[in-house]
C-alpha atoms as a PDB file:
ATOM      1  CA  UNK A   1     114.578 166.883 161.700  1.00  0.00           C
ATOM      2  CA  UNK A   2     111.638 165.000 163.150  1.00  0.00           C
ATOM      3  CA  UNK A   3     112.347 161.697 164.769  1.00  0.00           C
ATOM      4  CA  UNK A   4     110.474 158.776 163.204  1.00  0.00           C
ATOM      5  CA  UNK A   5     112.015 155.710 164.829  1.00  0.00           C
ATOM      6  CA  UNK A   6     113.592 154.644 168.056  1.00  0.00           C
ATOM      7  CA  UNK A   7     112.526 153.413 171.461  1.00  0.00           C
ATOM      8  CA  UNK A   8     109.009 154.495 172.411  1.00  0.00           C
ATOM      9  CA  UNK A   9     106.735 154.068 175.347  1.00  0.00           C
ATOM     10  CA  UNK A  10     103.454 152.270 174.668  1.00  0.00           C
ATOM     11  CA  UNK A  11     103.792 151.529 170.940  1.00  0.00           C
ATOM     12  CA  UNK A  12     101.373 148.720 171.738  1.00  0.00           C
ATOM     13  CA  UNK A  13      98.944 148.798 174.637  1.00  0.00           C
ATOM     14  CA  UNK A  14     100.444 145.698 176.250  1.00  0.00           C
ATOM     15  CA  UNK A  15     104.147 146.651 176.087  1.00  0.00           C
ATOM     16  CA  UNK A  16     105.809 149.341 178.141  1.00  0.00           C
ATOM     17  CA  UNK A  17     108.829 149.909 175.921  1.00  0.00           C
ATOM     18  CA  UNK A  18     109.666 148.762 172.409  1.00  0.00           C
ATOM     19  CA  UNK A  19     111.386 149.817 169.228  1.00  0.00           C
ATOM     20  CA  UNK A  20     109.137 151.855 166.964  1.00  0.00           C
ATOM     21  CA  UNK A  21     110.086 151.480 163.294  1.00  0.00           C
ATOM     22  CA  UNK A  22     107.935 154.316 161.969  1.00  0.00           C
ATOM     23  CA  UNK A  23     106.053 156.580 164.375  1.00  0.00           C
ATOM     24  CA  UNK A  24     103.815 158.122 161.686  1.00  0.00           C
ATOM     25  CA  UNK A  25     102.781 154.734 160.293  1.00  0.00           C
ATOM     26  CA  UNK A  26     101.970 153.414 163.758  1.00  0.00           C
ATOM     27  CA  UNK A  27      99.976 156.536 164.661  1.00  0.00           C
ATOM     28  CA  UNK A  28      98.071 156.276 161.369  1.00  0.00           C
ATOM     29  CA  UNK A  29      97.351 152.609 162.035  1.00  0.00           C
ATOM     30  CA  UNK A  30      96.002 153.468 165.482  1.00  0.00           C
ATOM     31  CA  UNK A  31      93.746 156.182 164.013  1.00  0.00           C
ATOM     32  CA  UNK A  32      92.344 153.823 161.378  1.00  0.00           C
ATOM     33  CA  UNK A  33      92.047 150.525 163.241  1.00  0.00           C
ATOM     34  CA  UNK A  34      91.748 150.994 166.978  1.00  0.00           C
ATOM     35  CA  UNK A  35      88.530 151.652 168.921  1.00  0.00           C
ATOM     36  CA  UNK A  36      87.649 155.358 168.870  1.00  0.00           C
ATOM     37  CA  UNK A  37      87.683 155.695 172.645  1.00  0.00           C
ATOM     38  CA  UNK A  38      91.267 154.302 172.809  1.00  0.00           C
ATOM     39  CA  UNK A  39      92.809 156.477 170.075  1.00  0.00           C
ATOM     40  CA  UNK A  40      93.436 159.694 172.100  1.00  0.00           C
ATOM     41  CA  UNK A  41      95.017 157.771 174.997  1.00  0.00           C
ATOM     42  CA  UNK A  42      97.184 155.613 172.736  1.00  0.00           C
ATOM     43  CA  UNK A  43      98.472 158.635 170.776  1.00  0.00           C
ATOM     44  CA  UNK A  44      98.998 160.721 173.917  1.00  0.00           C
ATOM     45  CA  UNK A  45     101.177 158.089 175.572  1.00  0.00           C
ATOM     46  CA  UNK A  46     103.073 156.725 172.562  1.00  0.00           C
ATOM     47  CA  UNK A  47     106.161 158.830 173.200  1.00  0.00           C
ATOM     48  CA  UNK A  48     109.807 158.578 172.262  1.00  0.00           C
ATOM     49  CA  UNK A  49     112.038 157.953 175.243  1.00  0.00           C
ATOM     50  CA  UNK A  50     113.724 161.206 176.241  1.00  0.00           C
ATOM     51  CA  UNK A  51     116.063 159.919 178.935  1.00  0.00           C
ATOM     52  CA  UNK A  52     119.182 157.838 178.548  1.00  0.00           C
ATOM     53  CA  UNK A  53     118.678 154.113 178.121  1.00  0.00           C
ATOM     54  CA  UNK A  54     121.513 151.589 178.678  1.00  0.00           C
ATOM     55  CA  UNK A  55     124.038 151.676 175.811  1.00  0.00           C
ATOM     56  CA  UNK A  56     123.727 147.969 175.068  1.00  0.00           C
ATOM     57  CA  UNK A  57     119.926 148.322 174.826  1.00  0.00           C
ATOM     58  CA  UNK A  58     120.281 151.277 172.429  1.00  0.00           C
ATOM     59  CA  UNK A  59     122.785 149.347 170.324  1.00  0.00           C
ATOM     60  CA  UNK A  60     120.466 146.323 170.217  1.00  0.00           C
ATOM     61  CA  UNK A  61     117.587 148.596 169.154  1.00  0.00           C
ATOM     62  CA  UNK A  62     119.656 149.995 166.295  1.00  0.00           C
ATOM     63  CA  UNK A  63     120.757 146.493 165.256  1.00  0.00           C
ATOM     64  CA  UNK A  64     117.128 145.388 165.396  1.00  0.00           C
ATOM     65  CA  UNK A  65     116.159 148.318 163.182  1.00  0.00           C
ATOM     66  CA  UNK A  66     118.910 147.509 160.659  1.00  0.00           C
ATOM     67  CA  UNK A  67     117.916 143.833 160.653  1.00  0.00           C
ATOM     68  CA  UNK A  68     114.284 144.817 160.162  1.00  0.00           C
ATOM     69  CA  UNK A  69     115.236 147.030 157.189  1.00  0.00           C
ATOM     70  CA  UNK A  70     117.107 144.113 155.581  1.00  0.00           C
ATOM     71  CA  UNK A  71     114.167 141.847 156.331  1.00  0.00           C
ATOM     72  CA  UNK A  72     111.771 144.308 154.654  1.00  0.00           C
ATOM     73  CA  UNK A  73     113.976 144.504 151.559  1.00  0.00           C
ATOM     74  CA  UNK A  74     114.181 140.704 151.418  1.00  0.00           C
ATOM     75  CA  UNK A  75     110.407 140.429 151.972  1.00  0.00           C
ATOM     76  CA  UNK A  76     109.712 142.837 149.105  1.00  0.00           C
ATOM     77  CA  UNK A  77     112.082 140.936 146.804  1.00  0.00           C
ATOM     78  CA  UNK A  78     110.485 137.656 147.838  1.00  0.00           C
ATOM     79  CA  UNK A  79     106.987 139.044 147.282  1.00  0.00           C
ATOM     80  CA  UNK A  80     107.980 140.306 143.824  1.00  0.00           C
ATOM     81  CA  UNK A  81     109.527 136.953 142.918  1.00  0.00           C
ATOM     82  CA  UNK A  82     106.550 135.119 144.357  1.00  0.00           C
ATOM     83  CA  UNK A  83     104.208 137.257 142.263  1.00  0.00           C
ATOM     84  CA  UNK A  84     106.269 136.581 139.136  1.00  0.00           C
ATOM     85  CA  UNK A  85     106.333 132.902 140.047  1.00  0.00           C
ATOM     86  CA  UNK A  86     102.561 132.868 140.474  1.00  0.00           C
ATOM     87  CA  UNK A  87     102.120 134.757 137.214  1.00  0.00           C
ATOM     88  CA  UNK A  88     104.575 132.369 135.612  1.00  0.00           C
ATOM     89  CA  UNK A  89     102.685 129.425 137.105  1.00  0.00           C
ATOM     90  CA  UNK A  90      99.418 130.799 135.742  1.00  0.00           C
ATOM     91  CA  UNK A  91     101.027 131.274 132.317  1.00  0.00           C
ATOM     92  CA  UNK A  92     102.452 127.756 132.560  1.00  0.00           C
ATOM     93  CA  UNK A  93      99.038 126.272 133.379  1.00  0.00           C
ATOM     94  CA  UNK A  94      97.388 128.233 130.559  1.00  0.00           C
ATOM     95  CA  UNK A  95     100.110 127.102 128.141  1.00  0.00           C
ATOM     96  CA  UNK A  96      99.752 123.508 129.351  1.00  0.00           C
ATOM     97  CA  UNK A  97      95.987 123.592 128.762  1.00  0.00           C
ATOM     98  CA  UNK A  98      96.497 125.067 125.286  1.00  0.00           C
ATOM     99  CA  UNK A  99      99.063 122.376 124.523  1.00  0.00           C
ATOM    100  CA  UNK A 100      96.746 119.598 125.722  1.00  0.00           C
ATOM    101  CA  UNK A 101      93.888 121.041 123.646  1.00  0.00           C
ATOM    102  CA  UNK A 102      96.188 121.264 120.622  1.00  0.00           C
ATOM    103  CA  UNK A 103      97.255 117.631 121.075  1.00  0.00           C
ATOM    104  CA  UNK A 104      93.631 116.561 121.321  1.00  0.00           C
ATOM    105  CA  UNK A 105      92.760 118.484 118.147  1.00  0.00           C
ATOM    106  CA  UNK A 106      95.845 117.104 116.385  1.00  0.00           C
ATOM    107  CA  UNK A 107      94.815 113.552 117.312  1.00  0.00           C
ATOM    108  CA  UNK A 108      91.304 114.130 115.954  1.00  0.00           C
ATOM    109  CA  UNK A 109      92.728 115.508 112.699  1.00  0.00           C
ATOM    110  CA  UNK A 110      95.255 112.655 112.533  1.00  0.00           C
ATOM    111  CA  UNK A 111      92.448 110.101 112.876  1.00  0.00           C
ATOM    112  CA  UNK A 112      90.514 111.855 110.119  1.00  0.00           C
ATOM    113  CA  UNK A 113      93.603 111.960 107.880  1.00  0.00           C
ATOM    114  CA  UNK A 114      94.296 108.247 108.479  1.00  0.00           C
ATOM    115  CA  UNK A 115      90.706 107.373 107.611  1.00  0.00           C
ATOM    116  CA  UNK A 116      90.838 109.468 104.428  1.00  0.00           C
ATOM    117  CA  UNK A 117      94.151 107.897 103.368  1.00  0.00           C
ATOM    118  CA  UNK A 118      92.552 104.481 103.814  1.00  0.00           C
ATOM    119  CA  UNK A 119      89.429 105.575 101.939  1.00  0.00           C
ATOM    120  CA  UNK A 120      91.404 106.922  98.964  1.00  0.00           C
ATOM    121  CA  UNK A 121      94.169 104.315  98.989  1.00  0.00           C
ATOM    122  CA  UNK A 122      93.617 103.027  95.403  1.00  0.00           C
ATOM    123  CA  UNK A 123      93.452 106.536  93.948  1.00  0.00           C
ATOM    124  CA  UNK A 124      96.601 107.554  95.843  1.00  0.00           C
ATOM    125  CA  UNK A 125      98.469 104.432  94.696  1.00  0.00           C
ATOM    126  CA  UNK A 126      97.490 105.092  91.075  1.00  0.00           C
ATOM    127  CA  UNK A 127      98.723 108.669  91.300  1.00  0.00           C
ATOM    128  CA  UNK A 128     101.976 107.458  92.907  1.00  0.00           C
ATOM    129  CA  UNK A 129     102.538 104.937  90.122  1.00  0.00           C
ATOM    130  CA  UNK A 130     102.034 107.681  87.531  1.00  0.00           C
ATOM    131  CA  UNK A 131     104.285 110.244  89.240  1.00  0.00           C
ATOM    132  CA  UNK A 132     106.993 107.896  90.509  1.00  0.00           C
ATOM    133  CA  UNK A 133     107.589 105.269  87.799  1.00  0.00           C
ATOM    134  CA  UNK A 134     110.068 102.518  88.729  1.00  0.00           C
ATOM    135  CA  UNK A 135     109.859 103.535  92.437  1.00  0.00           C
ATOM    136  CA  UNK A 136     111.173 100.798  94.762  1.00  0.00           C
ATOM    137  CA  UNK A 137     107.989 101.002  96.890  1.00  0.00           C
ATOM    138  CA  UNK A 138     106.667  97.545  97.743  1.00  0.00           C
ATOM    139  CA  UNK A 139     103.330  98.685  99.137  1.00  0.00           C
ATOM    140  CA  UNK A 140     104.641  99.076 102.690  1.00  0.00           C
ATOM    141  CA  UNK A 141     108.140 100.542 102.405  1.00  0.00           C
ATOM    142  CA  UNK A 142     110.927 101.566 100.087  1.00  0.00           C
ATOM    143  CA  UNK A 143     113.094  98.607  99.175  1.00  0.00           C
ATOM    144  CA  UNK A 144     116.764  99.534  99.139  1.00  0.00           C
ATOM    145  CA  UNK A 145     118.414  96.314  98.107  1.00  0.00           C
ATOM    146  CA  UNK A 146     118.381  95.384  94.468  1.00  0.00           C
ATOM    147  CA  UNK A 147     115.953  92.703  93.527  1.00  0.00           C
ATOM    148  CA  UNK A 148     117.638  89.883  91.652  1.00  0.00           C
ATOM    149  CA  UNK A 149     115.915  88.733  88.523  1.00  0.00           C
ATOM    150  CA  UNK A 150     116.191  84.980  88.288  1.00  0.00           C
END
């Protein structure tokens, strides 16, 4: 089994010793992003520690690795939720704009309807009188109390 993580020398050019989370990823990063003249030296000297390091340092490295794994899982969950939130926010904004446009259109149609009701008031009242004889409509509302004939 090939070792992929643990304490390494020179993971970064300015640190003697540090925990390497993924040797292959770091080596690939160096190949793709570091100056060409530095790549051979960086890869040659980025080595796993062979000797025995203090037990408490090794334990701290393993705890750091475990904490980093949990952090990565949490970061991925957060990123997924953030993406859904952003998508949800975009959907919310789109829906809000559609709603506002629909309200505006409804108001325009309502104004038109009100104007047409006013325009055709006499014709509408005549039709009402024909279709609803003896209706307790007083021209503004239904009248519910009985009108006394004096």
